[in-house]
Structure formats: structure tokens, C-alpha cells
Amino acid sequence: MVSVQANLRSKLSVACRSQNLERQADGSVVIPKALQPYMGGVELIKPAC
């Protein structure tokens, strides 16, 4: 479980450092194509709520 959390934290830090994040009306964030390989292919991060 710890490695899963660390992996997610790492992915989120990459996303948060980007200057070109596109936030959608529903609160989700589109990951730029250039960052997707570093995010394990994730294209969209949806809010937990």
C-alpha cells in the first residue's frame, strides 16, 4: 500500500509542476500528452469527491 501511495504522490507532483494543466468544469484535470508517459498513460485526473 505504501508503494501505491508513493507512486500516486509522484504522479501528482509531476502534474502539479506543469504550467499547462487544463482544469475542466467538473474539477478534473487534463494531463498534457507530453506528461502522459510519466503518468503511466493517465490522460485525466478526476476529483475524489
C-alpha atoms as a PDB file:
ATOM      1  CA  MET A   1       0.000   0.000   0.000  1.00  0.00           C
ATOM      2  CA  VAL A   2       2.826   2.396   0.769  1.00  0.00           C
ATOM      3  CA  SER A   3       4.341   1.956  -2.708  1.00  0.00           C
ATOM      4  CA  VAL A   4       0.956   2.688  -4.312  1.00  0.00           C
ATOM      5  CA  GLN A   5       0.673   5.910  -2.308  1.00  0.00           C
ATOM      6  CA  ALA A   6       4.242   6.895  -3.153  1.00  0.00           C
ATOM      7  CA  ASN A   7       3.604   6.215  -6.840  1.00  0.00           C
ATOM      8  CA  LEU A   8       0.437   8.323  -6.815  1.00  0.00           C
ATOM      9  CA  ARG A   9       2.200  11.108  -4.907  1.00  0.00           C
ATOM     10  CA  SER A  10       4.977  11.071  -7.512  1.00  0.00           C
ATOM     11  CA  LYS A  11       2.486  11.256 -10.371  1.00  0.00           C
ATOM     12  CA  LEU A  12       0.593  14.094  -8.749  1.00  0.00           C
ATOM     13  CA  SER A  13       3.781  16.078  -8.149  1.00  0.00           C
ATOM     14  CA  VAL A  14       4.616  15.811 -11.854  1.00  0.00           C
ATOM     15  CA  ALA A  15       1.133  17.024 -12.734  1.00  0.00           C
ATOM     16  CA  CYS A  16       1.201  19.862 -10.217  1.00  0.00           C
ATOM     17  CA  ARG A  17       4.503  21.177 -11.528  1.00  0.00           C
ATOM     18  CA  SER A  18       3.174  21.571 -15.038  1.00  0.00           C
ATOM     19  CA  GLN A  19       2.284  25.076 -16.145  1.00  0.00           C
ATOM     20  CA  ASN A  20      -0.151  23.833 -18.801  1.00  0.00           C
ATOM     21  CA  LEU A  21      -2.770  21.899 -16.861  1.00  0.00           C
ATOM     22  CA  GLU A  22      -6.268  22.273 -18.206  1.00  0.00           C
ATOM     23  CA  ARG A  23      -8.907  22.154 -15.466  1.00  0.00           C
ATOM     24  CA  GLN A  24     -12.364  21.074 -16.608  1.00  0.00           C
ATOM     25  CA  ALA A  25     -15.694  22.392 -15.295  1.00  0.00           C
ATOM     26  CA  ASP A  26     -16.176  19.209 -13.221  1.00  0.00           C
ATOM     27  CA  GLY A  27     -12.827  19.745 -11.446  1.00  0.00           C
ATOM     28  CA  SER A  28     -10.921  17.111 -13.397  1.00  0.00           C
ATOM     29  CA  VAL A  29      -7.512  17.927 -14.862  1.00  0.00           C
ATOM     30  CA  VAL A  30      -6.372  17.037 -18.374  1.00  0.00           C
ATOM     31  CA  ILE A  31      -2.773  15.766 -18.439  1.00  0.00           C
ATOM     32  CA  PRO A  32      -0.801  17.115 -21.421  1.00  0.00           C
ATOM     33  CA  LYS A  33       0.314  14.455 -23.916  1.00  0.00           C
ATOM     34  CA  ALA A  34       3.966  15.228 -23.166  1.00  0.00           C
ATOM     35  CA  LEU A  35       3.477  14.267 -19.497  1.00  0.00           C
ATOM     36  CA  GLN A  36       1.269  11.211 -20.039  1.00  0.00           C
ATOM     37  CA  PRO A  37       4.197   8.746 -20.386  1.00  0.00           C
ATOM     38  CA  TYR A  38       5.421   9.861 -16.945  1.00  0.00           C
ATOM     39  CA  MET A  39       1.930   9.437 -15.532  1.00  0.00           C
ATOM     40  CA  GLY A  40       1.595   5.822 -16.617  1.00  0.00           C
ATOM     41  CA  GLY A  41      -0.626   6.777 -19.547  1.00  0.00           C
ATOM     42  CA  VAL A  42      -3.136   8.665 -17.399  1.00  0.00           C
ATOM     43  CA  GLU A  43      -4.928  11.247 -19.522  1.00  0.00           C
ATOM     44  CA  LEU A  44      -7.309  12.683 -16.938  1.00  0.00           C
ATOM     45  CA  ILE A  45      -7.277  13.067 -13.139  1.00  0.00           C
ATOM     46  CA  LYS A  46     -10.769  13.168 -11.644  1.00  0.00           C
ATOM     47  CA  PRO A  47     -11.558  14.672  -8.237  1.00  0.00           C
ATOM     48  CA  ALA A  48     -12.216  12.152  -5.465  1.00  0.00           C
ATOM     49  CA  CYS A  49     -15.438  13.807  -4.328  1.00  0.00           C
END
